[in-house]
Each structure stands twice: as structure tokens, then as C-alpha cells.
Amino acid sequence: MHKKHPWRFAIGGWGAFVVATILFLIFDYNKYAVLGLLTAAIILTIGNAIYVFYTKWKSKEEEK
């Protein structure tokens, strides 16, 4: 994956969510921790989307 990929934080967040969820379900079934991780992944994705759309908007504005 390219180092400057704009969605790298969201992809990493969801990857960490999947791995942590599997580990929580295997070793310590705690649904509240899994829900917390899901919330963190969703917030990270929303923040990454705002960042990506802002940088695209800013680059289009600088071209004018």
C-alpha cells in the first residue's frame, strides 16, 4: 500500500478493530470492550473522511 494513501488511518483502524475483536472473543468475552472498539473505528473513519474531503476541497481551491 502506498505510504500517502488518504484512507490509511481508516483502513488501519478497521484492521485493528477486527484483530482486537477476534482476540477479545477468544480470550475475554467482553461485549462492551468490542462496542468501544467499534465506536473508535467509526469515529476514526468519520474523521478520516472529513480529512480526505477537506484536502480534496483545499487542493481544488488552490488550483483556481
PDB file of N, CA and C in Angstrom:
ATOM      1  N   MET A   1       0.846  -1.170   0.000  1.00  0.00           N
ATOM      2  CA  MET A   1       0.000   0.000   0.000  1.00  0.00           C
ATOM      3  C   MET A   1       0.894   1.235   0.000  1.00  0.00           C
ATOM      4  N   HIS A   2       0.512   2.206  -0.752  1.00  0.00           N
ATOM      5  CA  HIS A   2       1.267   3.441  -0.858  1.00  0.00           C
ATOM      6  C   HIS A   2       1.250   4.190   0.468  1.00  0.00           C
ATOM      7  N   LYS A   3       2.392   4.759   0.842  1.00  0.00           N
ATOM      8  CA  LYS A   3       2.506   5.409   2.144  1.00  0.00           C
ATOM      9  C   LYS A   3       1.607   6.638   2.280  1.00  0.00           C
ATOM     10  N   LYS A   4       1.278   7.293   1.177  1.00  0.00           N
ATOM     11  CA  LYS A   4       0.468   8.502   1.217  1.00  0.00           C
ATOM     12  C   LYS A   4      -0.994   8.227   0.884  1.00  0.00           C
ATOM     13  N   HIS A   5      -1.447   7.015   1.030  1.00  0.00           N
ATOM     14  CA  HIS A   5      -2.837   6.672   0.750  1.00  0.00           C
ATOM     15  C   HIS A   5      -3.740   7.455   1.698  1.00  0.00           C
ATOM     16  N   PRO A   6      -4.744   8.169   1.180  1.00  0.00           N
ATOM     17  CA  PRO A   6      -5.548   9.039   2.050  1.00  0.00           C
ATOM     18  C   PRO A   6      -6.418   8.295   3.056  1.00  0.00           C
ATOM     19  N   TRP A   7      -6.702   7.041   2.807  1.00  0.00           N
ATOM     20  CA  TRP A   7      -7.578   6.288   3.718  1.00  0.00           C
ATOM     21  C   TRP A   7      -6.795   5.350   4.626  1.00  0.00           C
ATOM     22  N   ARG A   8      -5.476   5.559   4.769  1.00  0.00           N
ATOM     23  CA  ARG A   8      -4.654   4.613   5.529  1.00  0.00           C
ATOM     24  C   ARG A   8      -5.059   4.548   7.004  1.00  0.00           C
ATOM     25  N   PHE A   9      -5.489   5.655   7.600  1.00  0.00           N
ATOM     26  CA  PHE A   9      -5.877   5.622   9.017  1.00  0.00           C
ATOM     27  C   PHE A   9      -7.169   4.837   9.221  1.00  0.00           C
ATOM     28  N   ALA A  10      -8.129   5.013   8.317  1.00  0.00           N
ATOM     29  CA  ALA A  10      -9.388   4.272   8.431  1.00  0.00           C
ATOM     30  C   ALA A  10      -9.162   2.779   8.209  1.00  0.00           C
ATOM     31  N   ILE A  11      -8.343   2.444   7.229  1.00  0.00           N
ATOM     32  CA  ILE A  11      -8.050   1.032   6.956  1.00  0.00           C
ATOM     33  C   ILE A  11      -7.347   0.400   8.152  1.00  0.00           C
ATOM     34  N   GLY A  12      -6.388   1.122   8.713  1.00  0.00           N
ATOM     35  CA  GLY A  12      -5.681   0.626   9.899  1.00  0.00           C
ATOM     36  C   GLY A  12      -6.595   0.494  11.097  1.00  0.00           C
ATOM     37  N   GLY A  13      -7.499   1.451  11.255  1.00  0.00           N
ATOM     38  CA  GLY A  13      -8.447   1.393  12.373  1.00  0.00           C
ATOM     39  C   GLY A  13      -9.374   0.200  12.284  1.00  0.00           C
ATOM     40  N   TRP A  14      -9.890  -0.067  11.096  1.00  0.00           N
ATOM     41  CA  TRP A  14     -10.785  -1.217  10.933  1.00  0.00           C
ATOM     42  C   TRP A  14     -10.020  -2.528  11.048  1.00  0.00           C
ATOM     43  N   GLY A  15      -8.785  -2.549  10.576  1.00  0.00           N
ATOM     44  CA  GLY A  15      -7.963  -3.753  10.745  1.00  0.00           C
ATOM     45  C   GLY A  15      -7.698  -4.037  12.213  1.00  0.00           C
ATOM     46  N   ALA A  16      -7.376  -2.985  12.968  1.00  0.00           N
ATOM     47  CA  ALA A  16      -7.154  -3.152  14.402  1.00  0.00           C
ATOM     48  C   ALA A  16      -8.438  -3.588  15.103  1.00  0.00           C
ATOM     49  N   PHE A  17      -9.589  -3.050  14.664  1.00  0.00           N
ATOM     50  CA  PHE A  17     -10.871  -3.442  15.248  1.00  0.00           C
ATOM     51  C   PHE A  17     -11.130  -4.936  15.037  1.00  0.00           C
ATOM     52  N   VAL A  18     -10.893  -5.415  13.835  1.00  0.00           N
ATOM     53  CA  VAL A  18     -11.143  -6.832  13.538  1.00  0.00           C
ATOM     54  C   VAL A  18     -10.229  -7.730  14.366  1.00  0.00           C
ATOM     55  N   VAL A  19      -8.939  -7.393  14.414  1.00  0.00           N
ATOM     56  CA  VAL A  19      -7.992  -8.214  15.177  1.00  0.00           C
ATOM     57  C   VAL A  19      -8.325  -8.180  16.669  1.00  0.00           C
ATOM     58  N   ALA A  20      -8.580  -6.992  17.206  1.00  0.00           N
ATOM     59  CA  ALA A  20      -8.891  -6.888  18.635  1.00  0.00           C
ATOM     60  C   ALA A  20     -10.199  -7.596  18.977  1.00  0.00           C
ATOM     61  N   THR A  21     -11.191  -7.509  18.086  1.00  0.00           N
ATOM     62  CA  THR A  21     -12.467  -8.191  18.336  1.00  0.00           C
ATOM     63  C   THR A  21     -12.272  -9.695  18.389  1.00  0.00           C
ATOM     64  N   ILE A  22     -11.513 -10.233  17.473  1.00  0.00           N
ATOM     65  CA  ILE A  22     -11.243 -11.675  17.477  1.00  0.00           C
ATOM     66  C   ILE A  22     -10.534 -12.076  18.762  1.00  0.00           C
ATOM     67  N   LEU A  23      -9.537 -11.288  19.171  1.00  0.00           N
ATOM     68  CA  LEU A  23      -8.814 -11.610  20.403  1.00  0.00           C
ATOM     69  C   LEU A  23      -9.715 -11.484  21.632  1.00  0.00           C
ATOM     70  N   PHE A  24     -10.567 -10.466  21.674  1.00  0.00           N
ATOM     71  CA  PHE A  24     -11.493 -10.334  22.797  1.00  0.00           C
ATOM     72  C   PHE A  24     -12.467 -11.500  22.845  1.00  0.00           C
ATOM     73  N   LEU A  25     -12.965 -11.933  21.705  1.00  0.00           N
ATOM     74  CA  LEU A  25     -13.930 -13.041  21.695  1.00  0.00           C
ATOM     75  C   LEU A  25     -13.278 -14.366  22.070  1.00  0.00           C
ATOM     76  N   ILE A  26     -11.994 -14.518  21.755  1.00  0.00           N
ATOM     77  CA  ILE A  26     -11.303 -15.770  22.095  1.00  0.00           C
ATOM     78  C   ILE A  26     -10.929 -15.797  23.580  1.00  0.00           C
ATOM     79  N   PHE A  27     -10.322 -14.721  24.060  1.00  0.00           N
ATOM     80  CA  PHE A  27      -9.733 -14.753  25.398  1.00  0.00           C
ATOM     81  C   PHE A  27     -10.618 -14.168  26.497  1.00  0.00           C
ATOM     82  N   ASP A  28     -11.379 -13.150  26.185  1.00  0.00           N
ATOM     83  CA  ASP A  28     -12.163 -12.486  27.227  1.00  0.00           C
ATOM     84  C   ASP A  28     -13.414 -11.920  26.577  1.00  0.00           C
ATOM     85  N   TYR A  29     -14.509 -12.628  26.700  1.00  0.00           N
ATOM     86  CA  TYR A  29     -15.749 -12.187  26.050  1.00  0.00           C
ATOM     87  C   TYR A  29     -16.283 -10.965  26.796  1.00  0.00           C
ATOM     88  N   ASN A  30     -16.028  -9.795  26.230  1.00  0.00           N
ATOM     89  CA  ASN A  30     -16.473  -8.546  26.834  1.00  0.00           C
ATOM     90  C   ASN A  30     -17.106  -7.708  25.723  1.00  0.00           C
ATOM     91  N   LYS A  31     -18.440  -7.752  25.667  1.00  0.00           N
ATOM     92  CA  LYS A  31     -19.123  -7.078  24.566  1.00  0.00           C
ATOM     93  C   LYS A  31     -18.990  -5.567  24.641  1.00  0.00           C
ATOM     94  N   TYR A  32     -18.805  -5.015  25.841  1.00  0.00           N
ATOM     95  CA  TYR A  32     -18.666  -3.571  25.970  1.00  0.00           C
ATOM     96  C   TYR A  32     -17.326  -3.086  25.418  1.00  0.00           C
ATOM     97  N   ALA A  33     -16.289  -3.880  25.582  1.00  0.00           N
ATOM     98  CA  ALA A  33     -14.998  -3.524  25.004  1.00  0.00           C
ATOM     99  C   ALA A  33     -15.064  -3.581  23.484  1.00  0.00           C
ATOM    100  N   VAL A  34     -15.754  -4.570  22.945  1.00  0.00           N
ATOM    101  CA  VAL A  34     -15.914  -4.686  21.496  1.00  0.00           C
ATOM    102  C   VAL A  34     -16.724  -3.507  20.964  1.00  0.00           C
ATOM    103  N   LEU A  35     -17.774  -3.110  21.670  1.00  0.00           N
ATOM    104  CA  LEU A  35     -18.562  -1.942  21.257  1.00  0.00           C
ATOM    105  C   LEU A  35     -17.734  -0.660  21.326  1.00  0.00           C
ATOM    106  N   GLY A  36     -16.874  -0.559  22.312  1.00  0.00           N
ATOM    107  CA  GLY A  36     -15.974   0.589  22.405  1.00  0.00           C
ATOM    108  C   GLY A  36     -15.005   0.646  21.248  1.00  0.00           C
ATOM    109  N   LEU A  37     -14.466  -0.509  20.875  1.00  0.00           N
ATOM    110  CA  LEU A  37     -13.564  -0.565  19.719  1.00  0.00           C
ATOM    111  C   LEU A  37     -14.302  -0.223  18.429  1.00  0.00           C
ATOM    112  N   LEU A  38     -15.541  -0.683  18.305  1.00  0.00           N
ATOM    113  CA  LEU A  38     -16.342  -0.360  17.124  1.00  0.00           C
ATOM    114  C   LEU A  38     -16.600   1.141  17.050  1.00  0.00           C
ATOM    115  N   THR A  39     -16.926   1.739  18.183  1.00  0.00           N
ATOM    116  CA  THR A  39     -17.146   3.187  18.220  1.00  0.00           C
ATOM    117  C   THR A  39     -15.879   3.939  17.820  1.00  0.00           C
ATOM    118  N   ALA A  40     -14.744   3.497  18.320  1.00  0.00           N
ATOM    119  CA  ALA A  40     -13.476   4.143  17.972  1.00  0.00           C
ATOM    120  C   ALA A  40     -13.191   4.016  16.477  1.00  0.00           C
ATOM    121  N   ALA A  41     -13.461   2.847  15.889  1.00  0.00           N
ATOM    122  CA  ALA A  41     -13.229   2.658  14.459  1.00  0.00           C
ATOM    123  C   ALA A  41     -14.159   3.543  13.633  1.00  0.00           C
ATOM    124  N   ILE A  42     -15.404   3.684  14.058  1.00  0.00           N
ATOM    125  CA  ILE A  42     -16.353   4.538  13.331  1.00  0.00           C
ATOM    126  C   ILE A  42     -15.934   6.000  13.424  1.00  0.00           C
ATOM    127  N   ILE A  43     -15.532   6.454  14.614  1.00  0.00           N
ATOM    128  CA  ILE A  43     -15.082   7.835  14.779  1.00  0.00           C
ATOM    129  C   ILE A  43     -13.836   8.094  13.942  1.00  0.00           C
ATOM    130  N   LEU A  44     -12.905   7.143  13.922  1.00  0.00           N
ATOM    131  CA  LEU A  44     -11.699   7.285  13.112  1.00  0.00           C
ATOM    132  C   LEU A  44     -12.045   7.367  11.631  1.00  0.00           C
ATOM    133  N   THR A  45     -13.002   6.579  11.167  1.00  0.00           N
ATOM    134  CA  THR A  45     -13.415   6.606   9.768  1.00  0.00           C
ATOM    135  C   THR A  45     -14.071   7.941   9.418  1.00  0.00           C
ATOM    136  N   ILE A  46     -14.918   8.447  10.291  1.00  0.00           N
ATOM    137  CA  ILE A  46     -15.564   9.743  10.048  1.00  0.00           C
ATOM    138  C   ILE A  46     -14.512  10.853  10.006  1.00  0.00           C
ATOM    139  N   GLY A  47     -13.587  10.829  10.944  1.00  0.00           N
ATOM    140  CA  GLY A  47     -12.513  11.820  10.952  1.00  0.00           C
ATOM    141  C   GLY A  47     -11.652  11.737   9.715  1.00  0.00           C
ATOM    142  N   ASN A  48     -11.355  10.526   9.256  1.00  0.00           N
ATOM    143  CA  ASN A  48     -10.565  10.342   8.049  1.00  0.00           C
ATOM    144  C   ASN A  48     -11.318  10.827   6.818  1.00  0.00           C
ATOM    145  N   ALA A  49     -12.633  10.598   6.779  1.00  0.00           N
ATOM    146  CA  ALA A  49     -13.436  11.071   5.650  1.00  0.00           C
ATOM    147  C   ALA A  49     -13.445  12.595   5.600  1.00  0.00           C
ATOM    148  N   ILE A  50     -13.588  13.232   6.751  1.00  0.00           N
ATOM    149  CA  ILE A  50     -13.546  14.696   6.798  1.00  0.00           C
ATOM    150  C   ILE A  50     -12.195  15.194   6.306  1.00  0.00           C
ATOM    151  N   TYR A  51     -11.127  14.554   6.745  1.00  0.00           N
ATOM    152  CA  TYR A  51      -9.779  14.945   6.317  1.00  0.00           C
ATOM    153  C   TYR A  51      -9.604  14.793   4.811  1.00  0.00           C
ATOM    154  N   VAL A  52     -10.054  13.668   4.258  1.00  0.00           N
ATOM    155  CA  VAL A  52      -9.896  13.418   2.822  1.00  0.00           C
ATOM    156  C   VAL A  52     -10.696  14.431   2.008  1.00  0.00           C
ATOM    157  N   PHE A  53     -11.941  14.661   2.385  1.00  0.00           N
ATOM    158  CA  PHE A  53     -12.758  15.610   1.633  1.00  0.00           C
ATOM    159  C   PHE A  53     -12.246  17.037   1.784  1.00  0.00           C
ATOM    160  N   TYR A  54     -11.736  17.391   2.954  1.00  0.00           N
ATOM    161  CA  TYR A  54     -11.182  18.729   3.159  1.00  0.00           C
ATOM    162  C   TYR A  54      -9.937  18.938   2.298  1.00  0.00           C
ATOM    163  N   THR A  55      -9.038  17.951   2.269  1.00  0.00           N
ATOM    164  CA  THR A  55      -7.822  18.107   1.465  1.00  0.00           C
ATOM    165  C   THR A  55      -8.147  18.160  -0.020  1.00  0.00           C
ATOM    166  N   LYS A  56      -9.144  17.398  -0.474  1.00  0.00           N
ATOM    167  CA  LYS A  56      -9.551  17.475  -1.885  1.00  0.00           C
ATOM    168  C   LYS A  56     -10.144  18.846  -2.187  1.00  0.00           C
ATOM    169  N   TRP A  57     -10.977  19.370  -1.289  1.00  0.00           N
ATOM    170  CA  TRP A  57     -11.579  20.680  -1.471  1.00  0.00           C
ATOM    171  C   TRP A  57     -10.506  21.761  -1.471  1.00  0.00           C
ATOM    172  N   LYS A  58      -9.528  21.632  -0.561  1.00  0.00           N
ATOM    173  CA  LYS A  58      -8.464  22.623  -0.453  1.00  0.00           C
ATOM    174  C   LYS A  58      -7.574  22.599  -1.697  1.00  0.00           C
ATOM    175  N   SER A  59      -7.286  21.427  -2.230  1.00  0.00           N
ATOM    176  CA  SER A  59      -6.436  21.347  -3.424  1.00  0.00           C
ATOM    177  C   SER A  59      -7.159  21.913  -4.654  1.00  0.00           C
ATOM    178  N   LYS A  60      -8.470  21.706  -4.740  1.00  0.00           N
ATOM    179  CA  LYS A  60      -9.225  22.290  -5.851  1.00  0.00           C
ATOM    180  C   LYS A  60      -9.284  23.808  -5.731  1.00  0.00           C
ATOM    181  N   GLU A  61      -9.358  24.306  -4.493  1.00  0.00           N
ATOM    182  CA  GLU A  61      -9.400  25.745  -4.284  1.00  0.00           C
ATOM    183  C   GLU A  61      -8.063  26.397  -4.640  1.00  0.00           C
ATOM    184  N   GLU A  62      -6.956  25.693  -4.369  1.00  0.00           N
ATOM    185  CA  GLU A  62      -5.635  26.237  -4.684  1.00  0.00           C
ATOM    186  C   GLU A  62      -5.357  26.245  -6.186  1.00  0.00           C
ATOM    187  N   GLU A  63      -5.999  25.363  -6.943  1.00  0.00           N
ATOM    188  CA  GLU A  63      -5.810  25.315  -8.388  1.00  0.00           C
ATOM    189  C   GLU A  63      -6.402  26.540  -9.081  1.00  0.00           C
ATOM    190  N   LYS A  64      -7.404  27.137  -8.492  1.00  0.00           N
ATOM    191  CA  LYS A  64      -8.096  28.274  -9.123  1.00  0.00           C
ATOM    192  C   LYS A  64      -7.283  29.534  -9.047  1.00  0.00           C
TER     193      LYS A  64
END
